[in-house]
Amino acid sequence: MPSSRPTPRREKKSRAGGIGPARRRFCYFCEENIEEVDFKSHALHRFVSDKGKIRSRRITGTCRRHQNQLGPAIKQARELALLPYANR
């Protein structure tokens, strides 16, 4: 028979190290009021890892719309040698 009391909610886990709550990430492009991600943007290097991989939304905090624009823009910038394929 189920109990009539609701179960208590678990607290969300904090960041590694346990100092304060996890920080909410916001989309860089939404904050800067950028409608379209352009391959000529100087901010693209922020969204590429040291190994040259495109960072995920979970890591960068970009929204779905801008993340979908970000992939082709980075690939086009690599093709035109504006971004390296790998940073070595």
PDB file of N, CA and C in Angstrom:
ATOM      1  N   MET A   1       0.844  -1.169   0.000  1.00  0.00           N
ATOM      2  CA  MET A   1       0.000   0.000   0.000  1.00  0.00           C
ATOM      3  C   MET A   1       0.894   1.239   0.000  1.00  0.00           C
ATOM      4  N   PRO A   2       0.724   2.163  -0.970  1.00  0.00           N
ATOM      5  CA  PRO A   2       1.572   3.346  -1.036  1.00  0.00           C
ATOM      6  C   PRO A   2       1.272   4.291   0.121  1.00  0.00           C
ATOM      7  N   SER A   3       2.328   4.942   0.579  1.00  0.00           N
ATOM      8  CA  SER A   3       2.152   5.876   1.687  1.00  0.00           C
ATOM      9  C   SER A   3       1.538   7.168   1.184  1.00  0.00           C
ATOM     10  N   SER A   4       0.859   7.879   2.057  1.00  0.00           N
ATOM     11  CA  SER A   4       0.200   9.119   1.674  1.00  0.00           C
ATOM     12  C   SER A   4       1.165  10.306   1.688  1.00  0.00           C
ATOM     13  N   ARG A   5       2.332  10.120   2.295  1.00  0.00           N
ATOM     14  CA  ARG A   5       3.318  11.204   2.339  1.00  0.00           C
ATOM     15  C   ARG A   5       4.150  11.212   1.066  1.00  0.00           C
ATOM     16  N   PRO A   6       4.391  12.398   0.501  1.00  0.00           N
ATOM     17  CA  PRO A   6       5.274  12.453  -0.679  1.00  0.00           C
ATOM     18  C   PRO A   6       6.715  12.212  -0.261  1.00  0.00           C
ATOM     19  N   THR A   7       7.475  11.636  -1.163  1.00  0.00           N
ATOM     20  CA  THR A   7       8.880  11.381  -0.863  1.00  0.00           C
ATOM     21  C   THR A   7       9.660  12.688  -0.946  1.00  0.00           C
ATOM     22  N   PRO A   8      10.630  12.900  -0.075  1.00  0.00           N
ATOM     23  CA  PRO A   8      11.404  14.146  -0.118  1.00  0.00           C
ATOM     24  C   PRO A   8      12.272  14.195  -1.372  1.00  0.00           C
ATOM     25  N   ARG A   9      12.438  15.388  -1.903  1.00  0.00           N
ATOM     26  CA  ARG A   9      13.255  15.558  -3.102  1.00  0.00           C
ATOM     27  C   ARG A   9      14.726  15.512  -2.741  1.00  0.00           C
ATOM     28  N   ARG A  10      15.500  14.936  -3.653  1.00  0.00           N
ATOM     29  CA  ARG A  10      16.945  14.904  -3.444  1.00  0.00           C
ATOM     30  C   ARG A  10      17.536  16.233  -3.866  1.00  0.00           C
ATOM     31  N   GLU A  11      18.576  16.644  -3.163  1.00  0.00           N
ATOM     32  CA  GLU A  11      19.261  17.880  -3.532  1.00  0.00           C
ATOM     33  C   GLU A  11      20.134  17.626  -4.748  1.00  0.00           C
ATOM     34  N   LYS A  12      20.248  18.640  -5.590  1.00  0.00           N
ATOM     35  CA  LYS A  12      21.098  18.523  -6.771  1.00  0.00           C
ATOM     36  C   LYS A  12      22.555  18.526  -6.344  1.00  0.00           C
ATOM     37  N   LYS A  13      23.349  17.763  -7.066  1.00  0.00           N
ATOM     38  CA  LYS A  13      24.771  17.706  -6.754  1.00  0.00           C
ATOM     39  C   LYS A  13      25.445  18.989  -7.206  1.00  0.00           C
ATOM     40  N   SER A  14      26.407  19.430  -6.434  1.00  0.00           N
ATOM     41  CA  SER A  14      27.121  20.646  -6.774  1.00  0.00           C
ATOM     42  C   SER A  14      28.323  20.309  -7.650  1.00  0.00           C
ATOM     43  N   ARG A  15      29.068  21.333  -7.992  1.00  0.00           N
ATOM     44  CA  ARG A  15      30.251  21.168  -8.839  1.00  0.00           C
ATOM     45  C   ARG A  15      31.283  20.274  -8.172  1.00  0.00           C
ATOM     46  N   ALA A  16      32.262  19.893  -8.943  1.00  0.00           N
ATOM     47  CA  ALA A  16      33.367  19.108  -8.402  1.00  0.00           C
ATOM     48  C   ALA A  16      34.059  19.939  -7.325  1.00  0.00           C
ATOM     49  N   GLY A  17      34.342  19.333  -6.232  1.00  0.00           N
ATOM     50  CA  GLY A  17      34.950  20.054  -5.130  1.00  0.00           C
ATOM     51  C   GLY A  17      33.930  20.458  -4.090  1.00  0.00           C
ATOM     52  N   GLY A  18      32.643  20.498  -4.484  1.00  0.00           N
ATOM     53  CA  GLY A  18      31.583  20.763  -3.544  1.00  0.00           C
ATOM     54  C   GLY A  18      31.514  22.183  -3.023  1.00  0.00           C
ATOM     55  N   ILE A  19      32.044  23.134  -3.776  1.00  0.00           N
ATOM     56  CA  ILE A  19      32.024  24.518  -3.313  1.00  0.00           C
ATOM     57  C   ILE A  19      30.913  25.253  -4.055  1.00  0.00           C
ATOM     58  N   GLY A  20      29.801  25.487  -3.403  1.00  0.00           N
ATOM     59  CA  GLY A  20      28.704  26.256  -3.982  1.00  0.00           C
ATOM     60  C   GLY A  20      27.907  25.466  -5.004  1.00  0.00           C
ATOM     61  N   PRO A  21      26.819  26.054  -5.475  1.00  0.00           N
ATOM     62  CA  PRO A  21      25.971  25.379  -6.457  1.00  0.00           C
ATOM     63  C   PRO A  21      26.600  25.402  -7.848  1.00  0.00           C
ATOM     64  N   ALA A  22      26.104  24.522  -8.727  1.00  0.00           N
ATOM     65  CA  ALA A  22      26.605  24.465 -10.098  1.00  0.00           C
ATOM     66  C   ALA A  22      26.239  25.757 -10.821  1.00  0.00           C
ATOM     67  N   ARG A  23      27.128  26.251 -11.659  1.00  0.00           N
ATOM     68  CA  ARG A  23      26.909  27.509 -12.365  1.00  0.00           C
ATOM     69  C   ARG A  23      26.144  27.264 -13.654  1.00  0.00           C
ATOM     70  N   ARG A  24      25.124  28.044 -13.892  1.00  0.00           N
ATOM     71  CA  ARG A  24      24.324  27.935 -15.112  1.00  0.00           C
ATOM     72  C   ARG A  24      25.080  28.577 -16.253  1.00  0.00           C
ATOM     73  N   ARG A  25      25.171  27.878 -17.384  1.00  0.00           N
ATOM     74  CA  ARG A  25      25.854  28.423 -18.554  1.00  0.00           C
ATOM     75  C   ARG A  25      24.823  29.023 -19.499  1.00  0.00           C
ATOM     76  N   PHE A  26      25.156  30.149 -20.110  1.00  0.00           N
ATOM     77  CA  PHE A  26      24.250  30.801 -21.031  1.00  0.00           C
ATOM     78  C   PHE A  26      24.875  30.840 -22.413  1.00  0.00           C
ATOM     79  N   CYS A  27      24.028  30.874 -23.398  1.00  0.00           N
ATOM     80  CA  CYS A  27      24.481  30.872 -24.794  1.00  0.00           C
ATOM     81  C   CYS A  27      25.199  32.187 -25.095  1.00  0.00           C
ATOM     82  N   TYR A  28      26.444  32.080 -25.550  1.00  0.00           N
ATOM     83  CA  TYR A  28      27.248  33.253 -25.891  1.00  0.00           C
ATOM     84  C   TYR A  28      26.582  34.055 -27.002  1.00  0.00           C
ATOM     85  N   PHE A  29      26.041  33.373 -28.000  1.00  0.00           N
ATOM     86  CA  PHE A  29      25.469  34.050 -29.157  1.00  0.00           C
ATOM     87  C   PHE A  29      24.161  34.751 -28.805  1.00  0.00           C
ATOM     88  N   CYS A  30      23.356  34.159 -27.925  1.00  0.00           N
ATOM     89  CA  CYS A  30      22.121  34.815 -27.484  1.00  0.00           C
ATOM     90  C   CYS A  30      22.432  36.049 -26.650  1.00  0.00           C
ATOM     91  N   GLU A  31      23.439  35.970 -25.790  1.00  0.00           N
ATOM     92  CA  GLU A  31      23.815  37.114 -24.963  1.00  0.00           C
ATOM     93  C   GLU A  31      24.322  38.272 -25.811  1.00  0.00           C
ATOM     94  N   GLU A  32      25.041  37.957 -26.894  1.00  0.00           N
ATOM     95  CA  GLU A  32      25.594  38.992 -27.768  1.00  0.00           C
ATOM     96  C   GLU A  32      24.627  39.405 -28.872  1.00  0.00           C
ATOM     97  N   ASN A  33      23.409  38.860 -28.858  1.00  0.00           N
ATOM     98  CA  ASN A  33      22.370  39.142 -29.865  1.00  0.00           C
ATOM     99  C   ASN A  33      22.854  38.846 -31.283  1.00  0.00           C
ATOM    100  N   ILE A  34      23.536  37.715 -31.448  1.00  0.00           N
ATOM    101  CA  ILE A  34      24.010  37.278 -32.752  1.00  0.00           C
ATOM    102  C   ILE A  34      22.981  36.311 -33.323  1.00  0.00           C
ATOM    103  N   GLU A  35      22.366  36.678 -34.448  1.00  0.00           N
ATOM    104  CA  GLU A  35      21.316  35.852 -35.053  1.00  0.00           C
ATOM    105  C   GLU A  35      21.908  34.639 -35.771  1.00  0.00           C
ATOM    106  N   GLU A  36      22.913  34.863 -36.609  1.00  0.00           N
ATOM    107  CA  GLU A  36      23.522  33.803 -37.404  1.00  0.00           C
ATOM    108  C   GLU A  36      24.990  33.658 -37.024  1.00  0.00           C
ATOM    109  N   VAL A  37      25.426  32.417 -36.810  1.00  0.00           N
ATOM    110  CA  VAL A  37      26.831  32.152 -36.527  1.00  0.00           C
ATOM    111  C   VAL A  37      27.573  32.167 -37.856  1.00  0.00           C
ATOM    112  N   ASP A  38      28.594  33.007 -37.955  1.00  0.00           N
ATOM    113  CA  ASP A  38      29.317  33.177 -39.204  1.00  0.00           C
ATOM    114  C   ASP A  38      30.693  32.527 -39.099  1.00  0.00           C
ATOM    115  N   PHE A  39      31.171  31.947 -40.189  1.00  0.00           N
ATOM    116  CA  PHE A  39      32.479  31.286 -40.175  1.00  0.00           C
ATOM    117  C   PHE A  39      33.615  32.288 -39.982  1.00  0.00           C
ATOM    118  N   LYS A  40      33.353  33.576 -40.213  1.00  0.00           N
ATOM    119  CA  LYS A  40      34.384  34.598 -40.065  1.00  0.00           C
ATOM    120  C   LYS A  40      34.509  35.117 -38.638  1.00  0.00           C
ATOM    121  N   SER A  41      33.628  34.643 -37.747  1.00  0.00           N
ATOM    122  CA  SER A  41      33.615  35.118 -36.364  1.00  0.00           C
ATOM    123  C   SER A  41      34.906  34.723 -35.648  1.00  0.00           C
ATOM    124  N   HIS A  42      35.426  35.654 -34.856  1.00  0.00           N
ATOM    125  CA  HIS A  42      36.652  35.390 -34.099  1.00  0.00           C
ATOM    126  C   HIS A  42      36.376  34.584 -32.834  1.00  0.00           C
ATOM    127  N   ALA A  43      35.104  34.392 -32.509  1.00  0.00           N
ATOM    128  CA  ALA A  43      34.735  33.676 -31.288  1.00  0.00           C
ATOM    129  C   ALA A  43      34.689  32.162 -31.485  1.00  0.00           C
ATOM    130  N   LEU A  44      34.867  31.683 -32.716  1.00  0.00           N
ATOM    131  CA  LEU A  44      34.727  30.251 -32.977  1.00  0.00           C
ATOM    132  C   LEU A  44      35.769  29.414 -32.250  1.00  0.00           C
ATOM    133  N   HIS A  45      36.945  29.967 -31.985  1.00  0.00           N
ATOM    134  CA  HIS A  45      37.986  29.179 -31.325  1.00  0.00           C
ATOM    135  C   HIS A  45      37.575  28.784 -29.906  1.00  0.00           C
ATOM    136  N   ARG A  46      36.626  29.489 -29.309  1.00  0.00           N
ATOM    137  CA  ARG A  46      36.146  29.153 -27.965  1.00  0.00           C
ATOM    138  C   ARG A  46      35.391  27.825 -27.947  1.00  0.00           C
ATOM    139  N   PHE A  47      34.857  27.420 -29.092  1.00  0.00           N
ATOM    140  CA  PHE A  47      33.998  26.247 -29.175  1.00  0.00           C
ATOM    141  C   PHE A  47      34.709  25.034 -29.756  1.00  0.00           C
ATOM    142  N   VAL A  48      36.046  25.104 -29.831  1.00  0.00           N
ATOM    143  CA  VAL A  48      36.850  24.002 -30.338  1.00  0.00           C
ATOM    144  C   VAL A  48      37.835  23.601 -29.246  1.00  0.00           C
ATOM    145  N   SER A  49      37.975  22.292 -29.006  1.00  0.00           N
ATOM    146  CA  SER A  49      38.885  21.812 -27.966  1.00  0.00           C
ATOM    147  C   SER A  49      40.341  21.901 -28.436  1.00  0.00           C
ATOM    148  N   ASP A  50      41.257  21.566 -27.538  1.00  0.00           N
ATOM    149  CA  ASP A  50      42.680  21.584 -27.880  1.00  0.00           C
ATOM    150  C   ASP A  50      43.008  20.591 -28.982  1.00  0.00           C
ATOM    151  N   LYS A  51      42.274  19.509 -29.020  1.00  0.00           N
ATOM    152  CA  LYS A  51      42.497  18.495 -30.048  1.00  0.00           C
ATOM    153  C   LYS A  51      41.786  18.811 -31.362  1.00  0.00           C
ATOM    154  N   GLY A  52      41.029  19.904 -31.400  1.00  0.00           N
ATOM    155  CA  GLY A  52      40.359  20.316 -32.625  1.00  0.00           C
ATOM    156  C   GLY A  52      38.930  19.837 -32.743  1.00  0.00           C
ATOM    157  N   LYS A  53      38.395  19.221 -31.702  1.00  0.00           N
ATOM    158  CA  LYS A  53      37.012  18.730 -31.752  1.00  0.00           C
ATOM    159  C   LYS A  53      36.047  19.850 -31.384  1.00  0.00           C
ATOM    160  N   ILE A  54      34.856  19.807 -31.979  1.00  0.00           N
ATOM    161  CA  ILE A  54      33.819  20.769 -31.653  1.00  0.00           C
ATOM    162  C   ILE A  54      33.245  20.401 -30.289  1.00  0.00           C
ATOM    163  N   ARG A  55      33.228  21.355 -29.372  1.00  0.00           N
ATOM    164  CA  ARG A  55      32.727  21.086 -28.024  1.00  0.00           C
ATOM    165  C   ARG A  55      31.208  21.000 -28.031  1.00  0.00           C
ATOM    166  N   SER A  56      30.669  20.181 -27.129  1.00  0.00           N
ATOM    167  CA  SER A  56      29.231  19.943 -27.077  1.00  0.00           C
ATOM    168  C   SER A  56      28.501  21.090 -26.393  1.00  0.00           C
ATOM    169  N   ARG A  57      27.190  21.084 -26.531  1.00  0.00           N
ATOM    170  CA  ARG A  57      26.341  22.087 -25.888  1.00  0.00           C
ATOM    171  C   ARG A  57      26.470  22.023 -24.377  1.00  0.00           C
ATOM    172  N   ARG A  58      26.613  20.823 -23.866  1.00  0.00           N
ATOM    173  CA  ARG A  58      26.716  20.632 -22.420  1.00  0.00           C
ATOM    174  C   ARG A  58      27.944  21.343 -21.862  1.00  0.00           C
ATOM    175  N   ILE A  59      29.019  21.374 -22.624  1.00  0.00           N
ATOM    176  CA  ILE A  59      30.266  22.006 -22.182  1.00  0.00           C
ATOM    177  C   ILE A  59      30.227  23.523 -22.409  1.00  0.00           C
ATOM    178  N   THR A  60      29.789  23.950 -23.594  1.00  0.00           N
ATOM    179  CA  THR A  60      29.859  25.372 -23.947  1.00  0.00           C
ATOM    180  C   THR A  60      28.659  26.165 -23.471  1.00  0.00           C
ATOM    181  N   GLY A  61      27.507  25.520 -23.320  1.00  0.00           N
ATOM    182  CA  GLY A  61      26.313  26.223 -22.891  1.00  0.00           C
ATOM    183  C   GLY A  61      25.547  26.887 -24.010  1.00  0.00           C
ATOM    184  N   THR A  62      25.898  26.626 -25.251  1.00  0.00           N
ATOM    185  CA  THR A  62      25.157  27.230 -26.357  1.00  0.00           C
ATOM    186  C   THR A  62      23.783  26.590 -26.492  1.00  0.00           C
ATOM    187  N   CYS A  63      22.840  27.354 -27.003  1.00  0.00           N
ATOM    188  CA  CYS A  63      21.492  26.829 -27.196  1.00  0.00           C
ATOM    189  C   CYS A  63      21.483  25.916 -28.430  1.00  0.00           C
ATOM    190  N   ARG A  64      20.391  25.180 -28.588  1.00  0.00           N
ATOM    191  CA  ARG A  64      20.298  24.203 -29.679  1.00  0.00           C
ATOM    192  C   ARG A  64      20.414  24.883 -31.033  1.00  0.00           C
ATOM    193  N   ARG A  65      19.756  26.002 -31.194  1.00  0.00           N
ATOM    194  CA  ARG A  65      19.752  26.719 -32.479  1.00  0.00           C
ATOM    195  C   ARG A  65      21.159  27.145 -32.884  1.00  0.00           C
ATOM    196  N   HIS A  66      21.889  27.738 -31.968  1.00  0.00           N
ATOM    197  CA  HIS A  66      23.226  28.219 -32.300  1.00  0.00           C
ATOM    198  C   HIS A  66      24.237  27.082 -32.391  1.00  0.00           C
ATOM    199  N   GLN A  67      24.028  26.002 -31.631  1.00  0.00           N
ATOM    200  CA  GLN A  67      24.924  24.848 -31.751  1.00  0.00           C
ATOM    201  C   GLN A  67      24.789  24.218 -33.131  1.00  0.00           C
ATOM    202  N   ASN A  68      23.571  24.181 -33.667  1.00  0.00           N
ATOM    203  CA  ASN A  68      23.358  23.628 -35.005  1.00  0.00           C
ATOM    204  C   ASN A  68      24.015  24.502 -36.076  1.00  0.00           C
ATOM    205  N   GLN A  69      24.109  25.789 -35.853  1.00  0.00           N
ATOM    206  CA  GLN A  69      24.787  26.687 -36.790  1.00  0.00           C
ATOM    207  C   GLN A  69      26.303  26.642 -36.602  1.00  0.00           C
ATOM    208  N   LEU A  70      26.721  26.314 -35.386  1.00  0.00           N
ATOM    209  CA  LEU A  70      28.135  26.351 -35.036  1.00  0.00           C
ATOM    210  C   LEU A  70      28.946  25.284 -35.764  1.00  0.00           C
ATOM    211  N   GLY A  71      28.410  24.078 -35.893  1.00  0.00           N
ATOM    212  CA  GLY A  71      29.130  22.974 -36.537  1.00  0.00           C
ATOM    213  C   GLY A  71      29.550  23.290 -37.962  1.00  0.00           C
ATOM    214  N   PRO A  72      28.592  23.620 -38.845  1.00  0.00           N
ATOM    215  CA  PRO A  72      28.983  23.968 -40.218  1.00  0.00           C
ATOM    216  C   PRO A  72      29.883  25.200 -40.306  1.00  0.00           C
ATOM    217  N   ALA A  73      29.703  26.166 -39.398  1.00  0.00           N
ATOM    218  CA  ALA A  73      30.556  27.362 -39.429  1.00  0.00           C
ATOM    219  C   ALA A  73      31.999  27.008 -39.094  1.00  0.00           C
ATOM    220  N   ILE A  74      32.198  26.131 -38.114  1.00  0.00           N
ATOM    221  CA  ILE A  74      33.553  25.708 -37.744  1.00  0.00           C
ATOM    222  C   ILE A  74      34.165  24.907 -38.887  1.00  0.00           C
ATOM    223  N   LYS A  75      33.392  24.033 -39.487  1.00  0.00           N
ATOM    224  CA  LYS A  75      33.904  23.225 -40.596  1.00  0.00           C
ATOM    225  C   LYS A  75      34.292  24.100 -41.787  1.00  0.00           C
ATOM    226  N   GLN A  76      33.509  25.134 -42.060  1.00  0.00           N
ATOM    227  CA  GLN A  76      33.830  26.037 -43.159  1.00  0.00           C
ATOM    228  C   GLN A  76      35.074  26.861 -42.829  1.00  0.00           C
ATOM    229  N   ALA A  77      35.201  27.283 -41.579  1.00  0.00           N
ATOM    230  CA  ALA A  77      36.382  28.046 -41.171  1.00  0.00           C
ATOM    231  C   ALA A  77      37.641  27.194 -41.251  1.00  0.00           C
ATOM    232  N   ARG A  78      37.528  25.911 -40.947  1.00  0.00           N
ATOM    233  CA  ARG A  78      38.677  25.006 -41.096  1.00  0.00           C
ATOM    234  C   ARG A  78      39.070  24.870 -42.555  1.00  0.00           C
ATOM    235  N   GLU A  79      38.076  24.741 -43.414  1.00  0.00           N
ATOM    236  CA  GLU A  79      38.329  24.573 -44.851  1.00  0.00           C
ATOM    237  C   GLU A  79      39.049  25.790 -45.429  1.00  0.00           C
ATOM    238  N   LEU A  80      38.705  26.977 -44.926  1.00  0.00           N
ATOM    239  CA  LEU A  80      39.332  28.203 -45.408  1.00  0.00           C
ATOM    240  C   LEU A  80      40.580  28.586 -44.614  1.00  0.00           C
ATOM    241  N   ALA A  81      41.034  27.684 -43.754  1.00  0.00           N
ATOM    242  CA  ALA A  81      42.246  27.867 -42.947  1.00  0.00           C
ATOM    243  C   ALA A  81      42.138  29.033 -41.970  1.00  0.00           C
ATOM    244  N   LEU A  82      40.902  29.347 -41.540  1.00  0.00           N
ATOM    245  CA  LEU A  82      40.728  30.349 -40.493  1.00  0.00           C
ATOM    246  C   LEU A  82      40.841  29.712 -39.110  1.00  0.00           C
ATOM    247  N   LEU A  83      40.573  28.414 -39.053  1.00  0.00           N
ATOM    248  CA  LEU A  83      40.750  27.621 -37.827  1.00  0.00           C
ATOM    249  C   LEU A  83      41.590  26.403 -38.175  1.00  0.00           C
ATOM    250  N   PRO A  84      42.447  25.969 -37.270  1.00  0.00           N
ATOM    251  CA  PRO A  84      43.216  24.746 -37.540  1.00  0.00           C
ATOM    252  C   PRO A  84      42.350  23.507 -37.338  1.00  0.00           C
ATOM    253  N   TYR A  85      42.687  22.435 -38.040  1.00  0.00           N
ATOM    254  CA  TYR A  85      42.005  21.155 -37.821  1.00  0.00           C
ATOM    255  C   TYR A  85      42.379  20.578 -36.470  1.00  0.00           C
ATOM    256  N   ALA A  86      43.627  20.751 -36.075  1.00  0.00           N
ATOM    257  CA  ALA A  86      44.097  20.285 -34.766  1.00  0.00           C
ATOM    258  C   ALA A  86      45.175  21.239 -34.288  1.00  0.00           C
ATOM    259  N   ASN A  87      45.131  21.569 -33.016  1.00  0.00           N
ATOM    260  CA  ASN A  87      46.150  22.450 -32.424  1.00  0.00           C
ATOM    261  C   ASN A  87      47.270  21.608 -31.858  1.00  0.00           C
ATOM    262  N   ARG A  88      48.367  21.526 -32.548  1.00  0.00           N
ATOM    263  CA  ARG A  88      49.509  20.747 -32.073  1.00  0.00           C
ATOM    264  C   ARG A  88      50.742  21.585 -31.998  1.00  0.00           C
TER     265      ARG A  88
END
